Amino acid sequence: MQKKDLFDKTTKQGRFYRNLLKTGVLLASMLVAGFCYLQTQKTQNSGLTFEEQVLQSEVFSDRESLDFESQTVDKIENTEQKLTEDKTKFLLYVHVCGQVKNPGVYQLEEGARIFDAVQLAGGLTEEAWEEAINLAKIVTDGEQIRIPDQTEAELFLLEETQTESGLINLNQATKEQLMTLTGIGEARAKDIIAYREEHGAFQTIEDIMKVPGIKEAAFAKIKNEIVVK
């Protein structure tokens, strides 16, 4: 009796074993090739001996440990700084009155500004003249913040432009107020205001002679009627 060949390609069983063998050989070849490739890449990339690779690994580990410790210290310091800043902050009390919806005494943190106080007081009323007050000003403890209406603001401005002795403040006077000065008419008053708007506040009363049309003679007539502040 003739012995059957397991790998006989003329039989179904033989073809199955032949394919199985080919598959096994192919897989084994791929595994060997992959292993060789990885070893080659590892050698090319490092160029180090086994001992040197172990030492490099320890150095990287130490660096990671130091970085973690440094980050931890930074976080602790930042937290301590924040706590210190919070402790140094203290509360202020201000009285907000006038043209606000809910006048009263309000509590604010140090560094707060007038607009913060106004918001706590419910905001401005329709009659408030916002331009008359500097909403960006930092408030102080115990301060009264009064928001005027237009009539109050105009009266305050009039008082500000004149001193107790009746002198005209060149830096805030209106056209009408400037026209009360000796020898100053409407045209010259407009010139003074135009100069002030273009060049800024007068530093001394003598600066008015920089206005076109006002020389020493004209200045001599008004020098005792004007002031700058």
C-alpha atoms as a PDB file:
ATOM      1  CA  MET A   1       0.000   0.000   0.000  1.00  0.00           C
ATOM      2  CA  GLN A   2       1.423   3.358  -1.016  1.00  0.00           C
ATOM      3  CA  LYS A   3       1.988   5.917   1.794  1.00  0.00           C
ATOM      4  CA  LYS A   4       0.019   9.122   1.359  1.00  0.00           C
ATOM      5  CA  ASP A   5       1.921  12.385   1.075  1.00  0.00           C
ATOM      6  CA  LEU A   6       0.452  14.989   3.474  1.00  0.00           C
ATOM      7  CA  PHE A   7       1.572  17.782   1.143  1.00  0.00           C
ATOM      8  CA  ASP A   8       0.272  16.229  -2.063  1.00  0.00           C
ATOM      9  CA  LYS A   9      -1.160  19.125  -3.993  1.00  0.00           C
ATOM     10  CA  THR A  10      -3.494  16.855  -5.899  1.00  0.00           C
ATOM     11  CA  THR A  11      -5.533  16.167  -2.786  1.00  0.00           C
ATOM     12  CA  LYS A  12      -7.689  18.525  -0.773  1.00  0.00           C
ATOM     13  CA  GLN A  13      -5.908  17.644   2.439  1.00  0.00           C
ATOM     14  CA  GLY A  14      -2.507  18.129   0.828  1.00  0.00           C
ATOM     15  CA  ARG A  15      -3.378  21.554  -0.464  1.00  0.00           C
ATOM     16  CA  PHE A  16      -4.616  22.561   3.020  1.00  0.00           C
ATOM     17  CA  TYR A  17      -1.332  21.520   4.683  1.00  0.00           C
ATOM     18  CA  ARG A  18       0.723  23.197   1.986  1.00  0.00           C
ATOM     19  CA  ASN A  19      -1.136  26.491   2.502  1.00  0.00           C
ATOM     20  CA  LEU A  20      -0.805  26.159   6.264  1.00  0.00           C
ATOM     21  CA  LEU A  21       2.944  25.627   5.928  1.00  0.00           C
ATOM     22  CA  LYS A  22       3.327  28.629   3.641  1.00  0.00           C
ATOM     23  CA  THR A  23       1.392  30.784   6.073  1.00  0.00           C
ATOM     24  CA  GLY A  24       3.560  29.685   8.989  1.00  0.00           C
ATOM     25  CA  VAL A  25       6.770  30.362   7.084  1.00  0.00           C
ATOM     26  CA  LEU A  26       5.516  33.811   6.061  1.00  0.00           C
ATOM     27  CA  LEU A  27       4.576  34.749   9.628  1.00  0.00           C
ATOM     28  CA  ALA A  28       7.891  33.557  10.963  1.00  0.00           C
ATOM     29  CA  SER A  29       9.746  35.568   8.311  1.00  0.00           C
ATOM     30  CA  MET A  30       7.778  38.695   9.198  1.00  0.00           C
ATOM     31  CA  LEU A  31       8.489  38.292  12.904  1.00  0.00           C
ATOM     32  CA  VAL A  32      12.217  37.845  12.292  1.00  0.00           C
ATOM     33  CA  ALA A  33      12.346  40.806   9.909  1.00  0.00           C
ATOM     34  CA  GLY A  34      10.422  43.003  12.380  1.00  0.00           C
ATOM     35  CA  PHE A  35      12.698  42.057  15.260  1.00  0.00           C
ATOM     36  CA  CYS A  36      15.803  42.767  13.187  1.00  0.00           C
ATOM     37  CA  TYR A  37      14.386  46.145  12.078  1.00  0.00           C
ATOM     38  CA  LEU A  38      13.625  47.239  15.633  1.00  0.00           C
ATOM     39  CA  GLN A  39      17.065  46.257  16.838  1.00  0.00           C
ATOM     40  CA  THR A  40      18.671  48.129  13.937  1.00  0.00           C
ATOM     41  CA  GLN A  41      16.612  51.279  14.593  1.00  0.00           C
ATOM     42  CA  LYS A  42      17.349  51.150  18.290  1.00  0.00           C
ATOM     43  CA  THR A  43      21.074  50.862  17.642  1.00  0.00           C
ATOM     44  CA  GLN A  44      21.090  53.664  15.069  1.00  0.00           C
ATOM     45  CA  ASN A  45      19.036  56.038  17.207  1.00  0.00           C
ATOM     46  CA  SER A  46      20.949  55.614  20.410  1.00  0.00           C
ATOM     47  CA  GLY A  47      24.426  54.708  19.343  1.00  0.00           C
ATOM     48  CA  LEU A  48      24.969  53.795  23.002  1.00  0.00           C
ATOM     49  CA  THR A  49      26.055  50.692  24.820  1.00  0.00           C
ATOM     50  CA  PHE A  50      23.664  48.939  27.169  1.00  0.00           C
ATOM     51  CA  GLU A  51      25.352  50.512  30.195  1.00  0.00           C
ATOM     52  CA  GLU A  52      25.126  53.976  28.622  1.00  0.00           C
ATOM     53  CA  GLN A  53      21.435  53.447  27.854  1.00  0.00           C
ATOM     54  CA  VAL A  54      20.762  52.483  31.480  1.00  0.00           C
ATOM     55  CA  LEU A  55      22.628  55.593  32.683  1.00  0.00           C
ATOM     56  CA  GLN A  56      20.692  57.809  30.235  1.00  0.00           C
ATOM     57  CA  SER A  57      17.423  56.360  31.502  1.00  0.00           C
ATOM     58  CA  GLU A  58      18.411  57.211  35.091  1.00  0.00           C
ATOM     59  CA  VAL A  59      19.309  60.779  34.088  1.00  0.00           C
ATOM     60  CA  PHE A  60      15.924  61.261  32.386  1.00  0.00           C
ATOM     61  CA  SER A  61      14.208  59.877  35.479  1.00  0.00           C
ATOM     62  CA  ASP A  62      16.080  62.342  37.710  1.00  0.00           C
ATOM     63  CA  ARG A  63      15.163  65.240  35.409  1.00  0.00           C
ATOM     64  CA  GLU A  64      11.475  64.324  35.491  1.00  0.00           C
ATOM     65  CA  SER A  65      11.638  64.127  39.287  1.00  0.00           C
ATOM     66  CA  LEU A  66      13.283  67.562  39.508  1.00  0.00           C
ATOM     67  CA  ASP A  67      10.727  69.074  37.108  1.00  0.00           C
ATOM     68  CA  PHE A  68       7.874  67.682  39.201  1.00  0.00           C
ATOM     69  CA  GLU A  69       9.413  69.035  42.414  1.00  0.00           C
ATOM     70  CA  SER A  70       9.968  72.444  40.794  1.00  0.00           C
ATOM     71  CA  GLN A  71       6.376  72.631  39.581  1.00  0.00           C
ATOM     72  CA  THR A  72       5.127  71.652  43.041  1.00  0.00           C
ATOM     73  CA  VAL A  73       7.212  74.388  44.695  1.00  0.00           C
ATOM     74  CA  ASP A  74       5.934  76.965  42.178  1.00  0.00           C
ATOM     75  CA  LYS A  75       2.326  75.998  42.891  1.00  0.00           C
ATOM     76  CA  ILE A  76       2.884  76.299  46.647  1.00  0.00           C
ATOM     77  CA  GLU A  77       4.549  79.704  46.270  1.00  0.00           C
ATOM     78  CA  ASN A  78       1.746  80.980  44.015  1.00  0.00           C
ATOM     79  CA  THR A  79      -0.869  79.805  46.503  1.00  0.00           C
ATOM     80  CA  GLU A  80       0.948  81.469  49.401  1.00  0.00           C
ATOM     81  CA  GLN A  81       1.272  84.716  47.406  1.00  0.00           C
ATOM     82  CA  LYS A  82      -2.442  84.690  46.575  1.00  0.00           C
ATOM     83  CA  LEU A  83      -3.358  84.112  50.221  1.00  0.00           C
ATOM     84  CA  THR A  84      -1.068  86.977  51.252  1.00  0.00           C
ATOM     85  CA  GLU A  85      -2.661  89.321  48.701  1.00  0.00           C
ATOM     86  CA  ASP A  86      -6.139  88.358  49.878  1.00  0.00           C
ATOM     87  CA  LYS A  87      -5.179  89.096  53.478  1.00  0.00           C
ATOM     88  CA  THR A  88      -3.821  92.544  52.592  1.00  0.00           C
ATOM     89  CA  LYS A  89      -7.077  93.583  50.910  1.00  0.00           C
ATOM     90  CA  PHE A  90      -9.499  95.428  53.156  1.00  0.00           C
ATOM     91  CA  LEU A  91     -12.974  96.800  52.756  1.00  0.00           C
ATOM     92  CA  LEU A  92     -13.986 100.399  52.180  1.00  0.00           C
ATOM     93  CA  TYR A  93     -17.247 102.136  53.000  1.00  0.00           C
ATOM     94  CA  VAL A  94     -18.563 104.932  50.793  1.00  0.00           C
ATOM     95  CA  HIS A  95     -21.729 106.995  50.785  1.00  0.00           C
ATOM     96  CA  VAL A  96     -23.345 107.163  47.356  1.00  0.00           C
ATOM     97  CA  CYS A  97     -26.028 109.816  46.998  1.00  0.00           C
ATOM     98  CA  GLY A  98     -27.595 112.214  44.528  1.00  0.00           C
ATOM     99  CA  GLN A  99     -28.840 110.961  41.182  1.00  0.00           C
ATOM    100  CA  VAL A 100     -28.584 107.202  41.782  1.00  0.00           C
ATOM    101  CA  LYS A 101     -31.477 104.777  42.055  1.00  0.00           C
ATOM    102  CA  ASN A 102     -30.641 103.438  45.527  1.00  0.00           C
ATOM    103  CA  PRO A 103     -28.648 105.970  47.584  1.00  0.00           C
ATOM    104  CA  GLY A 104     -26.898 104.632  50.668  1.00  0.00           C
ATOM    105  CA  VAL A 105     -23.682 103.395  52.262  1.00  0.00           C
ATOM    106  CA  TYR A 106     -21.948 100.593  50.366  1.00  0.00           C
ATOM    107  CA  GLN A 107     -19.045  98.261  50.989  1.00  0.00           C
ATOM    108  CA  LEU A 108     -16.279  97.978  48.390  1.00  0.00           C
ATOM    109  CA  GLU A 109     -12.870  96.353  48.130  1.00  0.00           C
ATOM    110  CA  GLU A 110      -9.715  98.437  48.117  1.00  0.00           C
ATOM    111  CA  GLY A 111      -8.958  99.690  44.611  1.00  0.00           C
ATOM    112  CA  ALA A 112     -12.612  99.936  43.577  1.00  0.00           C
ATOM    113  CA  ARG A 113     -13.687 102.879  41.417  1.00  0.00           C
ATOM    114  CA  ILE A 114     -16.633 105.237  41.454  1.00  0.00           C
ATOM    115  CA  PHE A 115     -18.458 103.316  38.718  1.00  0.00           C
ATOM    116  CA  ASP A 116     -18.338 100.221  40.983  1.00  0.00           C
ATOM    117  CA  ALA A 117     -20.049 102.200  43.748  1.00  0.00           C
ATOM    118  CA  VAL A 118     -22.631 103.574  41.312  1.00  0.00           C
ATOM    119  CA  GLN A 119     -23.463 100.051  40.124  1.00  0.00           C
ATOM    120  CA  LEU A 120     -24.000  98.910  43.714  1.00  0.00           C
ATOM    121  CA  ALA A 121     -26.337 101.867  44.170  1.00  0.00           C
ATOM    122  CA  GLY A 122     -28.510 100.642  41.298  1.00  0.00           C
ATOM    123  CA  GLY A 123     -27.003 102.815  38.562  1.00  0.00           C
ATOM    124  CA  LEU A 124     -27.667 106.394  37.477  1.00  0.00           C
ATOM    125  CA  THR A 125     -31.080 107.998  37.207  1.00  0.00           C
ATOM    126  CA  GLU A 126     -32.304 109.654  34.027  1.00  0.00           C
ATOM    127  CA  GLU A 127     -31.606 113.094  35.564  1.00  0.00           C
ATOM    128  CA  ALA A 128     -27.960 112.307  36.368  1.00  0.00           C
ATOM    129  CA  TRP A 129     -25.297 114.317  34.545  1.00  0.00           C
ATOM    130  CA  GLU A 130     -22.639 111.651  34.072  1.00  0.00           C
ATOM    131  CA  GLU A 131     -20.120 114.026  32.454  1.00  0.00           C
ATOM    132  CA  ALA A 132     -19.813 115.983  35.701  1.00  0.00           C
ATOM    133  CA  ILE A 133     -18.052 113.184  37.576  1.00  0.00           C
ATOM    134  CA  ASN A 134     -15.034 110.981  36.891  1.00  0.00           C
ATOM    135  CA  LEU A 135     -16.430 107.452  37.104  1.00  0.00           C
ATOM    136  CA  ALA A 136     -12.927 105.955  36.765  1.00  0.00           C
ATOM    137  CA  LYS A 137     -11.650 107.608  39.962  1.00  0.00           C
ATOM    138  CA  ILE A 138     -10.520 105.238  42.739  1.00  0.00           C
ATOM    139  CA  VAL A 139     -12.656 105.621  45.859  1.00  0.00           C
ATOM    140  CA  THR A 140     -11.343 106.174  49.386  1.00  0.00           C
ATOM    141  CA  ASP A 141     -12.694 104.938  52.689  1.00  0.00           C
ATOM    142  CA  GLY A 142     -15.398 107.213  54.108  1.00  0.00           C
ATOM    143  CA  GLU A 143     -15.838 109.160  50.850  1.00  0.00           C
ATOM    144  CA  GLN A 144     -19.165 110.659  49.834  1.00  0.00           C
ATOM    145  CA  ILE A 145     -19.903 110.232  46.148  1.00  0.00           C
ATOM    146  CA  ARG A 146     -22.588 112.645  45.010  1.00  0.00           C
ATOM    147  CA  ILE A 147     -23.938 112.323  41.479  1.00  0.00           C
ATOM    148  CA  PRO A 148     -25.377 115.698  40.388  1.00  0.00           C
ATOM    149  CA  ASP A 149     -28.118 116.568  37.967  1.00  0.00           C
ATOM    150  CA  GLN A 150     -27.462 119.145  35.240  1.00  0.00           C
ATOM    151  CA  THR A 151     -28.460 122.140  37.366  1.00  0.00           C
ATOM    152  CA  GLU A 152     -26.176 121.107  40.239  1.00  0.00           C
ATOM    153  CA  ALA A 153     -23.311 120.383  37.859  1.00  0.00           C
ATOM    154  CA  GLU A 154     -23.543 123.775  36.158  1.00  0.00           C
ATOM    155  CA  LEU A 155     -23.647 125.552  39.516  1.00  0.00           C
ATOM    156  CA  PHE A 156     -20.628 123.600  40.699  1.00  0.00           C
ATOM    157  CA  LEU A 157     -18.734 124.444  37.497  1.00  0.00           C
ATOM    158  CA  LEU A 158     -19.522 128.128  37.966  1.00  0.00           C
ATOM    159  CA  GLU A 159     -18.181 128.037  41.506  1.00  0.00           C
ATOM    160  CA  GLU A 160     -15.059 126.242  40.341  1.00  0.00           C
ATOM    161  CA  THR A 161     -14.238 128.875  37.732  1.00  0.00           C
ATOM    162  CA  GLN A 162     -14.218 131.635  40.311  1.00  0.00           C
ATOM    163  CA  THR A 163     -12.214 131.965  43.527  1.00  0.00           C
ATOM    164  CA  GLU A 164     -13.504 133.528  46.739  1.00  0.00           C
ATOM    165  CA  SER A 165     -11.975 136.811  45.624  1.00  0.00           C
ATOM    166  CA  GLY A 166     -13.919 136.697  42.347  1.00  0.00           C
ATOM    167  CA  LEU A 167     -10.949 135.838  40.093  1.00  0.00           C
ATOM    168  CA  ILE A 168     -11.674 133.997  36.854  1.00  0.00           C
ATOM    169  CA  ASN A 169     -10.023 130.602  36.442  1.00  0.00           C
ATOM    170  CA  LEU A 170      -8.621 130.629  32.898  1.00  0.00           C
ATOM    171  CA  ASN A 171      -8.593 126.830  32.692  1.00  0.00           C
ATOM    172  CA  GLN A 172     -12.324 126.349  33.329  1.00  0.00           C
ATOM    173  CA  ALA A 173     -14.035 129.646  32.511  1.00  0.00           C
ATOM    174  CA  THR A 174     -16.830 129.703  29.952  1.00  0.00           C
ATOM    175  CA  LYS A 175     -17.032 132.200  27.119  1.00  0.00           C
ATOM    176  CA  GLU A 176     -19.505 134.327  29.105  1.00  0.00           C
ATOM    177  CA  GLN A 177     -17.246 134.385  32.164  1.00  0.00           C
ATOM    178  CA  LEU A 178     -14.191 135.370  30.106  1.00  0.00           C
ATOM    179  CA  MET A 179     -16.171 138.230  28.596  1.00  0.00           C
ATOM    180  CA  THR A 180     -16.486 139.780  32.068  1.00  0.00           C
ATOM    181  CA  LEU A 181     -12.735 140.466  32.031  1.00  0.00           C
ATOM    182  CA  THR A 182     -11.623 144.005  31.204  1.00  0.00           C
ATOM    183  CA  GLY A 183     -11.175 144.469  27.443  1.00  0.00           C
ATOM    184  CA  ILE A 184     -12.148 140.867  26.537  1.00  0.00           C
ATOM    185  CA  GLY A 185     -14.965 140.598  24.046  1.00  0.00           C
ATOM    186  CA  GLU A 186     -16.694 137.591  22.509  1.00  0.00           C
ATOM    187  CA  ALA A 187     -14.071 137.030  19.772  1.00  0.00           C
ATOM    188  CA  ARG A 188     -11.159 137.184  22.197  1.00  0.00           C
ATOM    189  CA  ALA A 189     -12.948 134.904  24.681  1.00  0.00           C
ATOM    190  CA  LYS A 190     -13.368 132.331  21.884  1.00  0.00           C
ATOM    191  CA  ASP A 191      -9.648 132.643  21.098  1.00  0.00           C
ATOM    192  CA  ILE A 192      -8.759 131.898  24.732  1.00  0.00           C
ATOM    193  CA  ILE A 193     -10.961 128.796  24.785  1.00  0.00           C
ATOM    194  CA  ALA A 194      -9.605 127.610  21.407  1.00  0.00           C
ATOM    195  CA  TYR A 195      -6.028 128.009  22.623  1.00  0.00           C
ATOM    196  CA  ARG A 196      -6.846 126.119  25.829  1.00  0.00           C
ATOM    197  CA  GLU A 197      -8.412 123.240  23.907  1.00  0.00           C
ATOM    198  CA  GLU A 198      -5.480 122.978  21.504  1.00  0.00           C
ATOM    199  CA  HIS A 199      -2.549 123.449  23.893  1.00  0.00           C
ATOM    200  CA  GLY A 200      -3.970 122.301  27.213  1.00  0.00           C
ATOM    201  CA  ALA A 201      -4.299 124.123  30.532  1.00  0.00           C
ATOM    202  CA  PHE A 202      -2.565 127.416  31.223  1.00  0.00           C
ATOM    203  CA  GLN A 203       0.306 126.942  33.659  1.00  0.00           C
ATOM    204  CA  THR A 204       0.596 130.605  34.695  1.00  0.00           C
ATOM    205  CA  ILE A 205      -1.541 133.693  34.160  1.00  0.00           C
ATOM    206  CA  GLU A 206       1.247 135.052  31.912  1.00  0.00           C
ATOM    207  CA  ASP A 207       0.548 132.202  29.477  1.00  0.00           C
ATOM    208  CA  ILE A 208      -2.541 134.063  28.303  1.00  0.00           C
ATOM    209  CA  MET A 209      -0.225 136.337  26.327  1.00  0.00           C
ATOM    210  CA  LYS A 210       0.392 133.312  24.066  1.00  0.00           C
ATOM    211  CA  VAL A 211      -3.174 133.703  22.819  1.00  0.00           C
ATOM    212  CA  PRO A 212      -3.222 135.660  19.522  1.00  0.00           C
ATOM    213  CA  GLY A 213      -4.296 139.260  20.110  1.00  0.00           C
ATOM    214  CA  ILE A 214      -3.443 139.386  23.829  1.00  0.00           C
ATOM    215  CA  LYS A 215      -0.180 141.240  24.468  1.00  0.00           C
ATOM    216  CA  GLU A 216       1.366 142.974  27.470  1.00  0.00           C
ATOM    217  CA  ALA A 217      -1.024 145.900  27.394  1.00  0.00           C
ATOM    218  CA  ALA A 218      -4.106 143.663  27.432  1.00  0.00           C
ATOM    219  CA  PHE A 219      -2.544 141.420  30.058  1.00  0.00           C
ATOM    220  CA  ALA A 220      -1.850 144.379  32.330  1.00  0.00           C
ATOM    221  CA  LYS A 221      -5.581 145.172  32.363  1.00  0.00           C
ATOM    222  CA  ILE A 222      -6.697 141.656  33.399  1.00  0.00           C
ATOM    223  CA  LYS A 223      -3.792 140.224  35.422  1.00  0.00           C
ATOM    224  CA  ASN A 224      -5.528 141.096  38.694  1.00  0.00           C
ATOM    225  CA  GLU A 225      -8.779 139.496  37.526  1.00  0.00           C
ATOM    226  CA  ILE A 226      -7.516 136.036  36.523  1.00  0.00           C
ATOM    227  CA  VAL A 227      -6.029 132.943  38.100  1.00  0.00           C
ATOM    228  CA  VAL A 228      -4.995 129.444  36.986  1.00  0.00           C
ATOM    229  CA  LYS A 229      -5.607 126.269  38.963  1.00  0.00           C
END
